[in-house]
Protein backbone atom coordinates (compact mmCIF):
# COMPACT_ATOMS: atom_id res chain seq x y z
CA MET A 1 1.75 33.53 12.19
CA ARG A 2 -0.15 31.66 14.71
CA ARG A 3 -3.65 32.75 15.47
CA PHE A 4 -4.71 33.85 19.02
CA HIS A 5 -7.16 31.61 20.63
CA SER A 6 -8.58 31.39 24.11
CA SER A 7 -6.43 28.50 24.90
CA ASN A 8 -3.25 30.62 24.76
CA ILE A 9 -4.61 32.03 27.95
CA SER A 10 -3.38 30.56 31.11
CA SER A 11 -6.01 29.09 33.13
CA PHE A 12 -5.67 31.39 36.18
CA SER A 13 -6.17 34.13 33.97
CA ARG A 14 -9.04 32.94 32.32
CA LYS A 15 -10.54 32.70 35.80
CA ILE A 16 -9.66 36.01 36.75
CA ILE A 17 -11.24 37.14 33.65
CA ALA A 18 -14.30 35.19 34.59
CA GLY A 19 -14.44 36.71 38.07
CA VAL A 20 -14.22 40.14 36.75
CA THR A 21 -16.82 39.64 34.13
CA ALA A 22 -19.30 38.33 36.64
CA PHE A 23 -18.85 40.76 39.11
CA PHE A 24 -19.42 43.97 36.71
CA SER A 25 -22.21 41.86 34.97
CA SER A 26 -23.79 41.81 38.45
CA LEU A 27 -23.33 45.51 38.91
CA ILE A 28 -24.84 46.76 35.55
CA ILE A 29 -27.92 43.99 36.01
CA GLY A 30 -28.17 45.73 39.56
CA PHE A 31 -27.95 49.47 38.67
CA TRP A 32 -30.08 49.11 35.39
CA SER A 33 -32.84 47.11 37.31
CA TYR A 34 -32.84 50.07 40.12
CA TRP A 35 -32.74 52.57 37.67
CA GLY A 36 -35.50 51.14 35.69
CA ILE A 37 -38.18 49.85 38.42
CA ASN A 38 -37.69 53.43 40.14
CA GLU A 39 -37.99 55.35 36.88
CA ALA A 40 -41.00 53.27 35.99
CA PHE A 41 -43.06 54.40 39.21
CA HIS A 42 -41.92 57.98 38.98
CA GLU A 43 -42.38 59.10 35.46
CA GLY A 44 -44.44 56.15 34.26
CA TRP A 45 -47.49 54.24 35.58
CA TYR A 46 -50.03 56.86 34.83
CA TYR A 47 -52.50 54.47 32.85
CA GLN A 48 -55.89 53.61 34.46
CA SER A 49 -55.31 50.28 32.65
CA LEU A 50 -53.11 47.60 34.92
CA TRP A 51 -52.05 46.17 31.54
CA GLN A 52 -50.94 49.42 29.77
CA ASN A 53 -48.92 50.17 32.73
CA LEU A 54 -47.36 46.77 32.98
CA SER A 55 -46.45 46.88 29.23
CA LEU A 56 -44.94 50.40 29.53
CA THR A 57 -42.59 49.23 32.43
CA SER A 58 -41.60 46.28 30.61
CA ILE A 59 -40.81 47.47 27.39
CA GLN A 60 -39.64 51.21 28.03
CA TYR A 61 -38.02 50.64 31.52
CA LEU A 62 -37.06 47.06 32.29
CA SER A 63 -36.14 46.07 28.84
CA VAL A 64 -32.39 47.02 29.14
CA PRO A 65 -31.73 45.31 32.01
CA PHE A 66 -33.64 42.08 30.93
CA VAL A 67 -31.80 42.28 27.75
CA PHE A 68 -28.34 42.53 29.52
CA LEU A 69 -29.52 39.62 31.92
CA LEU A 70 -30.68 37.21 29.11
CA THR A 71 -27.33 38.26 26.89
CA SER A 72 -25.28 37.58 30.17
CA LEU A 73 -27.08 34.33 30.77
CA ILE A 74 -26.57 33.21 27.05
CA ALA A 75 -23.06 34.23 27.01
CA LEU A 76 -22.44 32.16 30.31
CA ASN A 77 -23.28 28.82 28.58
CA TYR A 78 -22.77 29.52 24.89
CA LYS A 79 -19.79 31.53 24.41
CA LYS A 80 -19.71 31.87 20.56
CA THR A 81 -23.29 32.78 20.73
CA GLY A 82 -22.75 35.15 23.62
CA LEU A 83 -19.91 36.69 21.73
CA SER A 84 -22.07 37.59 18.95
CA LEU A 85 -25.06 39.11 20.87
CA PHE A 86 -22.81 41.47 22.83
CA LEU A 87 -21.09 42.60 19.66
CA SER A 88 -24.31 43.04 18.13
CA LEU A 89 -25.41 45.26 20.91
CA GLY A 90 -22.40 47.32 20.92
CA ILE A 91 -22.73 47.84 17.08
CA PHE A 92 -26.50 48.47 17.95
CA ALA A 93 -25.43 51.48 19.93
CA LEU A 94 -23.16 53.10 17.43
CA PHE A 95 -26.12 53.58 15.40
CA PHE A 96 -28.78 54.28 18.02
CA PHE A 97 -27.06 57.12 20.29
CA ASN A 98 -26.52 60.60 18.63
CA SER A 99 -23.68 61.55 20.86
CA ASN A 100 -20.18 60.11 20.92
CA ALA A 101 -20.39 59.59 24.66
CA GLY A 102 -23.38 57.74 24.66
CA ARG A 103 -22.18 55.44 21.90
CA ALA A 104 -18.63 54.83 23.83
CA LEU A 105 -20.50 54.18 27.34
CA ILE A 106 -22.63 51.43 25.57
CA PHE A 107 -20.36 50.36 22.71
CA VAL A 108 -16.74 49.60 24.57
CA PRO A 109 -18.45 47.75 27.69
CA MET A 110 -20.42 45.55 25.50
CA ILE A 111 -17.08 44.77 23.71
CA LEU A 112 -15.40 44.24 27.07
CA PHE A 113 -18.30 41.92 28.12
CA ALA A 114 -18.19 39.93 24.62
CA LEU A 115 -14.54 39.29 25.20
CA GLY A 116 -15.21 38.66 28.94
CA PHE A 117 -17.64 35.93 28.64
CA TYR A 118 -15.90 34.59 25.98
CA PHE A 119 -12.58 34.12 27.30
CA GLY A 120 -13.56 33.76 30.87
CA GLU A 121 -13.30 30.32 32.55
CA PHE A 122 -16.45 29.74 34.63
CA LYS A 123 -16.49 27.21 37.02
CA SER A 124 -19.79 27.56 38.94
CA LYS A 125 -22.25 28.65 36.03
CA LYS A 126 -25.30 27.58 37.97
CA ILE A 127 -24.43 29.89 40.68
CA ILE A 128 -23.54 32.85 38.59
CA SER A 129 -26.92 32.47 36.80
CA SER A 130 -28.92 32.21 40.06
CA VAL A 131 -27.00 35.38 41.28
CA PHE A 132 -27.82 37.10 37.84
CA LYS A 133 -31.54 36.65 38.20
CA GLY A 134 -31.63 36.87 42.07
CA ILE A 135 -30.17 40.37 41.69
CA PHE A 136 -32.74 41.16 39.17
CA LEU A 137 -35.71 39.93 40.57
CA ILE A 138 -34.76 40.80 44.31
CA ILE A 139 -34.53 44.72 43.16
CA LEU A 140 -37.55 44.60 41.22
CA LEU A 141 -39.40 43.31 44.23
CA THR A 142 -37.80 45.19 46.85
CA PHE A 143 -38.31 48.47 45.10
CA GLY A 144 -41.31 47.77 42.65
CA ILE A 145 -43.64 46.57 45.62
CA PRO A 146 -43.74 49.80 48.00
CA HIS A 147 -43.74 51.67 44.69
CA LEU A 148 -46.76 50.05 43.29
CA ILE A 149 -48.65 50.32 46.72
CA ARG A 150 -47.75 54.10 46.79
CA VAL A 151 -49.32 54.71 43.21
CA GLU A 152 -52.32 52.76 43.69
CA THR A 153 -53.46 54.27 46.86
CA ARG A 154 -52.61 58.08 45.72
CA PHE A 155 -55.55 60.44 46.91
CA ASN A 156 -57.74 60.98 43.79
CA ASP A 157 -61.01 62.72 44.24
CA GLN A 158 -61.53 63.18 40.35
CA ASP A 159 -62.23 66.90 40.52
CA PHE A 160 -59.99 68.46 37.68
CA GLY A 161 -61.79 71.39 37.44
CA THR A 162 -60.68 74.87 38.78
CA ARG A 163 -59.36 74.55 42.25
CA THR A 164 -58.62 76.67 45.15
CA ILE A 165 -56.04 75.53 47.06
CA PHE A 166 -54.78 77.20 50.24
CA GLY A 167 -52.51 76.41 53.18
CA ASN A 168 -48.90 76.93 54.09
CA GLY A 169 -49.09 80.75 53.21
CA VAL A 170 -50.09 80.23 49.85
CA SER A 171 -53.90 80.94 48.55
CA LEU A 172 -54.19 80.47 44.61
CA THR A 173 -56.90 79.37 42.15
CA TRP A 174 -55.73 76.85 39.75
CA ALA A 175 -56.98 76.26 36.33
CA ALA A 176 -59.38 73.53 35.13
CA GLN A 177 -58.13 70.73 33.29
CA GLY A 178 -57.87 71.91 29.29
CA VAL A 179 -55.84 74.79 27.70
CA GLY A 180 -54.80 75.99 31.44
CA PHE A 181 -54.13 72.65 32.63
CA PRO A 182 -53.05 70.32 29.72
CA LEU A 183 -52.32 66.40 29.98
CA ASP A 184 -49.50 66.70 27.64
CA GLY A 185 -46.39 68.55 27.86
CA THR A 186 -45.36 71.70 26.24
CA ASP A 187 -42.36 74.50 26.19
CA TRP A 188 -42.14 77.22 28.52
CA GLU A 189 -42.67 79.97 26.13
CA THR A 190 -45.80 78.17 25.01
CA ALA A 191 -46.89 77.73 28.80
CA GLN A 192 -46.32 81.40 29.63
CA GLU A 193 -48.45 82.37 26.46
CA ASN A 194 -51.24 80.43 27.08
CA CYS A 195 -51.39 81.35 30.73
CA ALA A 196 -51.53 85.04 29.46
CA LYS A 197 -54.19 84.48 26.98
CA LEU A 198 -56.64 82.58 29.21
CA ASN A 199 -60.04 84.26 29.75
CA GLU A 200 -61.29 84.61 33.32
CA SER A 201 -62.97 81.34 33.48
CA GLY A 202 -59.57 79.44 32.56
CA GLU A 203 -61.06 77.40 29.90
CA THR A 204 -60.70 79.37 26.52
CA LEU A 205 -57.51 80.84 24.82
CA LEU A 206 -58.12 84.60 23.72
CA GLN A 207 -56.29 86.21 20.68
CA GLU A 208 -54.69 88.60 22.66
CA GLU A 209 -52.91 88.53 26.14
CA VAL A 210 -55.20 89.86 29.03
CA ASN A 211 -52.79 88.48 31.94
CA LEU A 212 -55.60 87.23 34.12
CA TRP A 213 -53.64 84.00 34.59
CA ARG A 214 -49.92 83.32 34.90
CA LEU A 215 -47.46 80.66 35.68
CA PRO A 216 -46.80 79.91 39.54
CA SER A 217 -43.68 80.59 41.01
CA ARG A 218 -41.13 77.83 42.57
CA GLU A 219 -42.30 78.76 46.13
CA GLU A 220 -46.05 78.55 45.43
CA ILE A 221 -45.97 75.13 43.71
CA VAL A 222 -43.45 73.80 46.91
CA ARG A 223 -46.03 75.24 49.35
CA SER A 224 -49.02 73.80 47.55
CA LEU A 225 -48.04 70.12 46.84
CA THR A 226 -49.63 67.67 49.04
CA ARG A 227 -49.86 63.95 50.19
CA LYS A 228 -52.76 61.88 51.20
CA ASN A 229 -55.04 65.17 50.79
CA GLN A 230 -52.88 67.20 53.33
CA ASN A 231 -50.30 69.84 52.57
CA SER A 232 -46.81 68.57 52.61
CA LEU A 233 -45.65 71.75 54.33
CA GLY A 234 -42.97 72.36 51.86
CA PHE A 235 -40.47 75.27 51.55
CA ILE A 236 -37.38 76.30 49.71
CA ALA A 237 -34.21 76.65 52.07
CA ALA A 238 -31.77 79.33 51.65
CA ASP A 239 -29.86 77.03 49.19
CA GLY A 240 -32.40 76.87 46.55
CA VAL A 241 -33.70 73.14 47.67
CA ALA A 242 -37.14 72.49 48.53
CA GLN A 243 -37.64 70.61 51.91
CA TYR A 244 -41.00 68.60 53.05
CA GLN A 245 -42.12 67.63 56.46
CA MET A 246 -44.02 65.18 54.22
CA GLN A 247 -42.88 63.81 50.93
CA PRO A 248 -45.40 65.08 48.15
CA ASP A 249 -47.06 62.98 45.74
CA LYS A 250 -48.72 63.14 42.27
CA GLU A 251 -52.40 63.56 43.56
CA THR A 252 -55.40 65.85 43.35
CA PRO A 253 -56.10 68.66 43.95
CA LEU A 254 -52.98 69.81 42.35
CA TRP A 255 -52.17 66.93 39.74
CA ASN A 256 -54.00 64.43 37.58
CA PRO A 257 -52.18 61.03 38.73
CA HIS A 258 -53.51 59.78 35.08
CA SER A 259 -51.40 62.36 33.45
CA GLU A 260 -48.16 61.64 32.00
CA VAL A 261 -47.17 65.08 33.29
CA ILE A 262 -44.75 64.89 36.24
CA TYR A 263 -43.26 68.32 36.13
CA TYR A 264 -44.85 72.03 36.07
CA TRP A 265 -43.04 74.85 34.43
CA THR A 266 -42.78 77.72 36.86
CA ALA A 267 -42.60 81.61 35.79
CA GLU A 268 -38.85 81.77 36.99
CA SER A 269 -35.91 81.72 34.73
CA LYS A 270 -32.43 80.37 35.70
CA ASP A 271 -30.83 81.94 33.01
CA ALA A 272 -31.60 83.26 29.27
CA GLU A 273 -31.95 79.54 28.28
CA LYS A 274 -33.29 77.78 31.19
CA ALA A 275 -36.40 77.86 33.34
CA PHE A 276 -37.26 76.07 36.55
CA LEU A 277 -39.86 73.30 36.95
CA VAL A 278 -41.14 71.66 39.99
CA ALA A 279 -41.56 67.82 40.09
CA TYR A 280 -44.69 66.26 41.66
CA ASN A 281 -42.22 64.88 44.54
CA GLY A 282 -41.20 68.01 45.02
CA TYR A 283 -37.87 68.06 43.43
CA ILE A 284 -36.82 71.66 41.81
CA LEU A 285 -34.58 71.30 38.50
CA ALA A 286 -34.00 73.76 35.40
CA ARG A 287 -34.42 72.71 31.83
CA ASN A 288 -34.21 74.38 28.55
CA LYS A 289 -36.98 76.76 27.74
CA SER A 290 -37.32 75.15 24.34
CA PHE A 291 -37.72 71.53 25.83
CA GLY A 292 -41.28 70.25 25.83
CA PRO A 293 -41.56 66.62 26.10
CA ASN A 294 -45.11 65.04 27.46
CA TYR A 295 -44.01 64.93 30.73
CA GLN A 296 -43.46 68.50 31.12
CA GLY A 297 -46.58 70.67 31.60
CA TYR A 298 -48.13 73.64 33.23
CA ARG A 299 -51.17 74.83 35.18
CA CYS A 300 -51.87 78.40 35.36
CA VAL A 301 -52.82 80.15 38.42
CA LYS A 302 -54.43 83.55 39.66
CA LYS A 303 -55.01 84.73 42.95
């Protein structure tokens, strides 16, 4: 039996394969670059050190588009090496992801890209390479620079003690940084319990619940969010979506800009398993009550 080889495919078909492969590669590079740079400044960029922020951004958020870009550039010029690299990425996905859906969403495309670059006939490699690199750089600069300016000019008065925030129909005292306002995340039950056990000053956890403090409601957080030390004039519409006159940000007096926490638990449950959180940018979402990553924290309040 004659072995199958790329020469068995007509030149026209190989050009079609090349065009389709280049097109979808551009989409993948663009999508992951866009996602990575936006997430880097949404949930990342909280260190005070520039180098730590750059390292986190590069490793955690931009490594995926960069690896795909680099692999695509190699596959464009070195077919066998590119084939091996894409196959390796696909196999890696099988062991890295826990769900079958996650494995399939990475494994299958990597196999298709491996075959596409191997069998495709790319006539304008320099142009395609420039397009790949251009998409990556343009997206990073277009979205990264405005975000960088935003986070570096956040209002931060360095006062992380007990704060009374009033305006927009709400007046609440928010706990000082510590057990009532931690810098790391926790689950909903722990947040509820800690607020209930806070002493009057909000600095110490008591043995029993005294209920002097509590978690805020969605409406209370939304109406207290600020931007540039001004209330964002937020409210929750009839459809349950928060609306703002000015987009809030991760700033004092409500947030610590250098904390990993970007969501606050609320006292309100969606159902038996999920409770609502509010992000620093005003977005409301519901998460499993037992889910407590470092970016989901809380801040206790009292009247």
